[in-house]
Amino acid sequence: MQLLGLILLIASSWYIWKLSTNFFDDETKEGFSNDFKLLKNKINETTNNFSMDKLETLWKKYKEEEKGDKSLTKKE
């Protein structure tokens, strides 16, 4: 039964792939390709923004500000 499901999945995937390659013109395929590249670049940029080095720097800065705020409230 599982083998039959796997065969059906592969056959339907192949059929959809064949239909989509014939359905889209070159301009549309190029547009999809460019949009996918832009999406990958944005994801990479976002992951670089949240790198461990940057997060550690922000955490240290937060701790320093927290210490500064505590000393200001004690003086008041």
PDB file of N, CA and C in Angstrom:
ATOM      1  N   MET A   1       0.822  -1.187   0.000  1.00  0.00           N
ATOM      2  CA  MET A   1       0.000   0.000   0.000  1.00  0.00           C
ATOM      3  C   MET A   1       0.873   1.262   0.000  1.00  0.00           C
ATOM      4  N   GLN A   2       1.948   1.241   0.824  1.00  0.00           N
ATOM      5  CA  GLN A   2       2.850   2.385   0.861  1.00  0.00           C
ATOM      6  C   GLN A   2       3.603   2.527  -0.452  1.00  0.00           C
ATOM      7  N   LEU A   3       3.959   1.411  -1.043  1.00  0.00           N
ATOM      8  CA  LEU A   3       4.647   1.445  -2.328  1.00  0.00           C
ATOM      9  C   LEU A   3       3.750   2.055  -3.397  1.00  0.00           C
ATOM     10  N   LEU A   4       2.489   1.704  -3.373  1.00  0.00           N
ATOM     11  CA  LEU A   4       1.532   2.267  -4.323  1.00  0.00           C
ATOM     12  C   LEU A   4       1.414   3.783  -4.129  1.00  0.00           C
ATOM     13  N   GLY A   5       1.381   4.231  -2.872  1.00  0.00           N
ATOM     14  CA  GLY A   5       1.318   5.665  -2.576  1.00  0.00           C
ATOM     15  C   GLY A   5       2.558   6.388  -3.058  1.00  0.00           C
ATOM     16  N   LEU A   6       3.722   5.776  -2.868  1.00  0.00           N
ATOM     17  CA  LEU A   6       4.975   6.371  -3.325  1.00  0.00           C
ATOM     18  C   LEU A   6       5.008   6.482  -4.846  1.00  0.00           C
ATOM     19  N   ILE A   7       4.580   5.452  -5.527  1.00  0.00           N
ATOM     20  CA  ILE A   7       4.536   5.474  -6.994  1.00  0.00           C
ATOM     21  C   ILE A   7       3.577   6.558  -7.479  1.00  0.00           C
ATOM     22  N   LEU A   8       2.429   6.658  -6.844  1.00  0.00           N
ATOM     23  CA  LEU A   8       1.450   7.682  -7.215  1.00  0.00           C
ATOM     24  C   LEU A   8       2.005   9.082  -6.982  1.00  0.00           C
ATOM     25  N   LEU A   9       2.714   9.286  -5.886  1.00  0.00           N
ATOM     26  CA  LEU A   9       3.314  10.582  -5.583  1.00  0.00           C
ATOM     27  C   LEU A   9       4.355  10.951  -6.628  1.00  0.00           C
ATOM     28  N   ILE A  10       5.210  10.017  -6.977  1.00  0.00           N
ATOM     29  CA  ILE A  10       6.248  10.275  -7.979  1.00  0.00           C
ATOM     30  C   ILE A  10       5.623  10.551  -9.339  1.00  0.00           C
ATOM     31  N   ALA A  11       4.639   9.768  -9.721  1.00  0.00           N
ATOM     32  CA  ALA A  11       3.996   9.950 -11.023  1.00  0.00           C
ATOM     33  C   ALA A  11       3.277  11.289 -11.100  1.00  0.00           C
ATOM     34  N   SER A  12       2.558  11.662 -10.057  1.00  0.00           N
ATOM     35  CA  SER A  12       1.827  12.934 -10.097  1.00  0.00           C
ATOM     36  C   SER A  12       2.797  14.111 -10.062  1.00  0.00           C
ATOM     37  N   SER A  13       3.889  13.995  -9.306  1.00  0.00           N
ATOM     38  CA  SER A  13       4.892  15.065  -9.282  1.00  0.00           C
ATOM     39  C   SER A  13       5.526  15.239 -10.651  1.00  0.00           C
ATOM     40  N   TRP A  14       5.853  14.131 -11.293  1.00  0.00           N
ATOM     41  CA  TRP A  14       6.448  14.196 -12.622  1.00  0.00           C
ATOM     42  C   TRP A  14       5.464  14.835 -13.606  1.00  0.00           C
ATOM     43  N   TYR A  15       4.202  14.471 -13.540  1.00  0.00           N
ATOM     44  CA  TYR A  15       3.191  14.998 -14.456  1.00  0.00           C
ATOM     45  C   TYR A  15       2.998  16.506 -14.252  1.00  0.00           C
ATOM     46  N   ILE A  16       2.947  16.939 -12.998  1.00  0.00           N
ATOM     47  CA  ILE A  16       2.807  18.380 -12.721  1.00  0.00           C
ATOM     48  C   ILE A  16       4.032  19.130 -13.207  1.00  0.00           C
ATOM     49  N   TRP A  17       5.219  18.558 -13.023  1.00  0.00           N
ATOM     50  CA  TRP A  17       6.442  19.192 -13.498  1.00  0.00           C
ATOM     51  C   TRP A  17       6.421  19.325 -15.017  1.00  0.00           C
ATOM     52  N   LYS A  18       5.993  18.279 -15.716  1.00  0.00           N
ATOM     53  CA  LYS A  18       5.911  18.317 -17.181  1.00  0.00           C
ATOM     54  C   LYS A  18       4.914  19.373 -17.643  1.00  0.00           C
ATOM     55  N   LEU A  19       3.766  19.456 -16.978  1.00  0.00           N
ATOM     56  CA  LEU A  19       2.767  20.460 -17.354  1.00  0.00           C
ATOM     57  C   LEU A  19       3.286  21.871 -17.114  1.00  0.00           C
ATOM     58  N   SER A  20       3.943  22.084 -15.991  1.00  0.00           N
ATOM     59  CA  SER A  20       4.403  23.438 -15.674  1.00  0.00           C
ATOM     60  C   SER A  20       5.529  23.879 -16.595  1.00  0.00           C
ATOM     61  N   THR A  21       6.380  22.959 -17.045  1.00  0.00           N
ATOM     62  CA  THR A  21       7.459  23.362 -17.941  1.00  0.00           C
ATOM     63  C   THR A  21       6.911  23.754 -19.302  1.00  0.00           C
ATOM     64  N   ASN A  22       5.838  23.142 -19.721  1.00  0.00           N
ATOM     65  CA  ASN A  22       5.237  23.502 -21.003  1.00  0.00           C
ATOM     66  C   ASN A  22       4.310  24.713 -20.882  1.00  0.00           C
ATOM     67  N   PHE A  23       3.806  24.955 -19.676  1.00  0.00           N
ATOM     68  CA  PHE A  23       2.809  25.999 -19.486  1.00  0.00           C
ATOM     69  C   PHE A  23       3.435  27.388 -19.420  1.00  0.00           C
ATOM     70  N   PHE A  24       4.530  27.532 -18.715  1.00  0.00           N
ATOM     71  CA  PHE A  24       5.141  28.847 -18.522  1.00  0.00           C
ATOM     72  C   PHE A  24       6.071  29.189 -19.670  1.00  0.00           C
ATOM     73  N   ASP A  25       6.031  30.465 -20.086  1.00  0.00           N
ATOM     74  CA  ASP A  25       6.965  30.909 -21.116  1.00  0.00           C
ATOM     75  C   ASP A  25       8.299  31.273 -20.454  1.00  0.00           C
ATOM     76  N   ASP A  26       9.285  31.589 -21.287  1.00  0.00           N
ATOM     77  CA  ASP A  26      10.629  31.847 -20.772  1.00  0.00           C
ATOM     78  C   ASP A  26      10.670  33.068 -19.866  1.00  0.00           C
ATOM     79  N   GLU A  27       9.902  34.097 -20.188  1.00  0.00           N
ATOM     80  CA  GLU A  27       9.894  35.316 -19.381  1.00  0.00           C
ATOM     81  C   GLU A  27       9.363  35.037 -17.966  1.00  0.00           C
ATOM     82  N   THR A  28       8.321  34.238 -17.879  1.00  0.00           N
ATOM     83  CA  THR A  28       7.748  33.898 -16.575  1.00  0.00           C
ATOM     84  C   THR A  28       8.714  33.042 -15.775  1.00  0.00           C
ATOM     85  N   LYS A  29       9.357  32.082 -16.427  1.00  0.00           N
ATOM     86  CA  LYS A  29      10.339  31.247 -15.738  1.00  0.00           C
ATOM     87  C   LYS A  29      11.488  32.101 -15.212  1.00  0.00           C
ATOM     88  N   GLU A  30      11.941  33.068 -16.020  1.00  0.00           N
ATOM     89  CA  GLU A  30      13.023  33.953 -15.602  1.00  0.00           C
ATOM     90  C   GLU A  30      12.579  34.817 -14.417  1.00  0.00           C
ATOM     91  N   GLY A  31      11.337  35.267 -14.438  1.00  0.00           N
ATOM     92  CA  GLY A  31      10.801  36.052 -13.328  1.00  0.00           C
ATOM     93  C   GLY A  31      10.765  35.244 -12.041  1.00  0.00           C
ATOM     94  N   PHE A  32      10.310  33.998 -12.139  1.00  0.00           N
ATOM     95  CA  PHE A  32      10.298  33.121 -10.964  1.00  0.00           C
ATOM     96  C   PHE A  32      11.717  32.909 -10.439  1.00  0.00           C
ATOM     97  N   SER A  33      12.643  32.705 -11.358  1.00  0.00           N
ATOM     98  CA  SER A  33      14.035  32.473 -10.974  1.00  0.00           C
ATOM     99  C   SER A  33      14.611  33.697 -10.259  1.00  0.00           C
ATOM    100  N   ASN A  34      14.348  34.883 -10.806  1.00  0.00           N
ATOM    101  CA  ASN A  34      14.851  36.116 -10.184  1.00  0.00           C
ATOM    102  C   ASN A  34      14.223  36.343  -8.818  1.00  0.00           C
ATOM    103  N   ASP A  35      12.919  36.099  -8.706  1.00  0.00           N
ATOM    104  CA  ASP A  35      12.245  36.270  -7.417  1.00  0.00           C
ATOM    105  C   ASP A  35      12.792  35.299  -6.378  1.00  0.00           C
ATOM    106  N   PHE A  36      13.079  34.084  -6.801  1.00  0.00           N
ATOM    107  CA  PHE A  36      13.642  33.098  -5.885  1.00  0.00           C
ATOM    108  C   PHE A  36      15.033  33.516  -5.415  1.00  0.00           C
ATOM    109  N   LYS A  37      15.840  34.064  -6.339  1.00  0.00           N
ATOM    110  CA  LYS A  37      17.175  34.539  -5.963  1.00  0.00           C
ATOM    111  C   LYS A  37      17.076  35.695  -4.977  1.00  0.00           C
ATOM    112  N   LEU A  38      16.128  36.612  -5.203  1.00  0.00           N
ATOM    113  CA  LEU A  38      15.933  37.726  -4.275  1.00  0.00           C
ATOM    114  C   LEU A  38      15.514  37.220  -2.898  1.00  0.00           C
ATOM    115  N   LEU A  39      14.638  36.235  -2.871  1.00  0.00           N
ATOM    116  CA  LEU A  39      14.190  35.656  -1.605  1.00  0.00           C
ATOM    117  C   LEU A  39      15.364  35.017  -0.863  1.00  0.00           C
ATOM    118  N   LYS A  40      16.206  34.282  -1.582  1.00  0.00           N
ATOM    119  CA  LYS A  40      17.368  33.664  -0.957  1.00  0.00           C
ATOM    120  C   LYS A  40      18.311  34.719  -0.396  1.00  0.00           C
ATOM    121  N   ASN A  41      18.512  35.817  -1.141  1.00  0.00           N
ATOM    122  CA  ASN A  41      19.392  36.887  -0.665  1.00  0.00           C
ATOM    123  C   ASN A  41      18.833  37.544   0.589  1.00  0.00           C
ATOM    124  N   LYS A  42      17.527  37.779   0.617  1.00  0.00           N
ATOM    125  CA  LYS A  42      16.902  38.389   1.794  1.00  0.00           C
ATOM    126  C   LYS A  42      17.015  37.470   3.008  1.00  0.00           C
ATOM    127  N   ILE A  43      16.837  36.179   2.806  1.00  0.00           N
ATOM    128  CA  ILE A  43      16.962  35.226   3.914  1.00  0.00           C
ATOM    129  C   ILE A  43      18.392  35.208   4.436  1.00  0.00           C
ATOM    130  N   ASN A  44      19.362  35.207   3.528  1.00  0.00           N
ATOM    131  CA  ASN A  44      20.769  35.231   3.948  1.00  0.00           C
ATOM    132  C   ASN A  44      21.089  36.527   4.686  1.00  0.00           C
ATOM    133  N   GLU A  45      20.560  37.642   4.202  1.00  0.00           N
ATOM    134  CA  GLU A  45      20.785  38.927   4.847  1.00  0.00           C
ATOM    135  C   GLU A  45      20.185  38.932   6.259  1.00  0.00           C
ATOM    136  N   THR A  46      19.008  38.375   6.396  1.00  0.00           N
ATOM    137  CA  THR A  46      18.355  38.319   7.703  1.00  0.00           C
ATOM    138  C   THR A  46      19.128  37.428   8.664  1.00  0.00           C
ATOM    139  N   THR A  47      19.603  36.294   8.192  1.00  0.00           N
ATOM    140  CA  THR A  47      20.368  35.416   9.069  1.00  0.00           C
ATOM    141  C   THR A  47      21.690  36.064   9.462  1.00  0.00           C
ATOM    142  N   ASN A  48      22.283  36.846   8.567  1.00  0.00           N
ATOM    143  CA  ASN A  48      23.514  37.552   8.903  1.00  0.00           C
ATOM    144  C   ASN A  48      23.251  38.640   9.942  1.00  0.00           C
ATOM    145  N   ASN A  49      22.079  39.255   9.906  1.00  0.00           N
ATOM    146  CA  ASN A  49      21.736  40.263  10.905  1.00  0.00           C
ATOM    147  C   ASN A  49      21.617  39.665  12.289  1.00  0.00           C
ATOM    148  N   PHE A  50      21.288  38.394  12.376  1.00  0.00           N
ATOM    149  CA  PHE A  50      21.130  37.727  13.655  1.00  0.00           C
ATOM    150  C   PHE A  50      22.266  36.741  13.916  1.00  0.00           C
ATOM    151  N   SER A  51      23.473  37.102  13.494  1.00  0.00           N
ATOM    152  CA  SER A  51      24.611  36.225  13.742  1.00  0.00           C
ATOM    153  C   SER A  51      24.965  36.250  15.220  1.00  0.00           C
ATOM    154  N   MET A  52      25.674  35.252  15.679  1.00  0.00           N
ATOM    155  CA  MET A  52      26.020  35.132  17.093  1.00  0.00           C
ATOM    156  C   MET A  52      26.898  36.298  17.550  1.00  0.00           C
ATOM    157  N   ASP A  53      27.806  36.751  16.701  1.00  0.00           N
ATOM    158  CA  ASP A  53      28.669  37.866  17.082  1.00  0.00           C
ATOM    159  C   ASP A  53      27.856  39.132  17.338  1.00  0.00           C
ATOM    160  N   LYS A  54      26.931  39.412  16.462  1.00  0.00           N
ATOM    161  CA  LYS A  54      26.095  40.603  16.629  1.00  0.00           C
ATOM    162  C   LYS A  54      25.195  40.473  17.845  1.00  0.00           C
ATOM    163  N   LEU A  55      24.645  39.286  18.063  1.00  0.00           N
ATOM    164  CA  LEU A  55      23.795  39.083  19.235  1.00  0.00           C
ATOM    165  C   LEU A  55      24.589  39.221  20.536  1.00  0.00           C
ATOM    166  N   GLU A  56      25.813  38.726  20.559  1.00  0.00           N
ATOM    167  CA  GLU A  56      26.653  38.868  21.748  1.00  0.00           C
ATOM    168  C   GLU A  56      26.987  40.331  22.005  1.00  0.00           C
ATOM    169  N   THR A  57      27.279  41.066  20.948  1.00  0.00           N
ATOM    170  CA  THR A  57      27.570  42.493  21.088  1.00  0.00           C
ATOM    171  C   THR A  57      26.361  43.233  21.633  1.00  0.00           C
ATOM    172  N   LEU A  58      25.197  42.943  21.103  1.00  0.00           N
ATOM    173  CA  LEU A  58      23.982  43.587  21.591  1.00  0.00           C
ATOM    174  C   LEU A  58      23.703  43.221  23.041  1.00  0.00           C
ATOM    175  N   TRP A  59      23.954  41.971  23.419  1.00  0.00           N
ATOM    176  CA  TRP A  59      23.720  41.532  24.789  1.00  0.00           C
ATOM    177  C   TRP A  59      24.653  42.270  25.754  1.00  0.00           C
ATOM    178  N   LYS A  60      25.928  42.413  25.379  1.00  0.00           N
ATOM    179  CA  LYS A  60      26.879  43.142  26.219  1.00  0.00           C
ATOM    180  C   LYS A  60      26.464  44.608  26.366  1.00  0.00           C
ATOM    181  N   LYS A  61      26.042  45.205  25.261  1.00  0.00           N
ATOM    182  CA  LYS A  61      25.590  46.591  25.291  1.00  0.00           C
ATOM    183  C   LYS A  61      24.362  46.736  26.193  1.00  0.00           C
ATOM    184  N   TYR A  62      23.464  45.792  26.128  1.00  0.00           N
ATOM    185  CA  TYR A  62      22.271  45.807  26.979  1.00  0.00           C
ATOM    186  C   TYR A  62      22.657  45.715  28.451  1.00  0.00           C
ATOM    187  N   LYS A  63      23.594  44.808  28.763  1.00  0.00           N
ATOM    188  CA  LYS A  63      24.028  44.645  30.150  1.00  0.00           C
ATOM    189  C   LYS A  63      24.682  45.925  30.671  1.00  0.00           C
ATOM    190  N   GLU A  64      25.487  46.582  29.827  1.00  0.00           N
ATOM    191  CA  GLU A  64      26.125  47.835  30.235  1.00  0.00           C
ATOM    192  C   GLU A  64      25.076  48.916  30.490  1.00  0.00           C
ATOM    193  N   GLU A  65      24.080  49.003  29.622  1.00  0.00           N
ATOM    194  CA  GLU A  65      23.016  49.983  29.819  1.00  0.00           C
ATOM    195  C   GLU A  65      22.213  49.665  31.076  1.00  0.00           C
ATOM    196  N   GLU A  66      21.997  48.391  31.335  1.00  0.00           N
ATOM    197  CA  GLU A  66      21.253  47.971  32.525  1.00  0.00           C
ATOM    198  C   GLU A  66      22.017  48.366  33.793  1.00  0.00           C
ATOM    199  N   LYS A  67      23.328  48.189  33.781  1.00  0.00           N
ATOM    200  CA  LYS A  67      24.145  48.595  34.928  1.00  0.00           C
ATOM    201  C   LYS A  67      24.086  50.106  35.112  1.00  0.00           C
ATOM    202  N   GLY A  68      24.130  50.836  34.007  1.00  0.00           N
ATOM    203  CA  GLY A  68      24.055  52.298  34.071  1.00  0.00           C
ATOM    204  C   GLY A  68      22.716  52.764  34.610  1.00  0.00           C
ATOM    205  N   ASP A  69      21.642  52.113  34.222  1.00  0.00           N
ATOM    206  CA  ASP A  69      20.314  52.478  34.709  1.00  0.00           C
ATOM    207  C   ASP A  69      20.176  52.190  36.200  1.00  0.00           C
ATOM    208  N   LYS A  70      20.735  51.116  36.682  1.00  0.00           N
ATOM    209  CA  LYS A  70      20.664  50.774  38.097  1.00  0.00           C
ATOM    210  C   LYS A  70      21.422  51.787  38.931  1.00  0.00           C
ATOM    211  N   SER A  71      22.588  52.224  38.441  1.00  0.00           N
ATOM    212  CA  SER A  71      23.347  53.207  39.211  1.00  0.00           C
ATOM    213  C   SER A  71      22.646  54.554  39.232  1.00  0.00           C
ATOM    214  N   LEU A  72      21.923  54.906  38.171  1.00  0.00           N
ATOM    215  CA  LEU A  72      21.175  56.156  38.149  1.00  0.00           C
ATOM    216  C   LEU A  72      20.002  56.115  39.117  1.00  0.00           C
ATOM    217  N   THR A  73      19.338  54.984  39.220  1.00  0.00           N
ATOM    218  CA  THR A  73      18.192  54.894  40.130  1.00  0.00           C
ATOM    219  C   THR A  73      18.638  54.866  41.587  1.00  0.00           C
ATOM    220  N   LYS A  74      19.814  54.358  41.878  1.00  0.00           N
ATOM    221  CA  LYS A  74      20.334  54.339  43.241  1.00  0.00           C
ATOM    222  C   LYS A  74      20.707  55.748  43.695  1.00  0.00           C
ATOM    223  N   LYS A  75      21.230  56.568  42.775  1.00  0.00           N
ATOM    224  CA  LYS A  75      21.629  57.929  43.129  1.00  0.00           C
ATOM    225  C   LYS A  75      20.412  58.802  43.399  1.00  0.00           C
ATOM    226  N   GLU A  76      19.350  58.549  42.735  1.00  0.00           N
ATOM    227  CA  GLU A  76      18.142  59.362  42.919  1.00  0.00           C
ATOM    228  C   GLU A  76      17.513  58.991  44.198  1.00  0.00           C
TER     229      GLU A  76
END
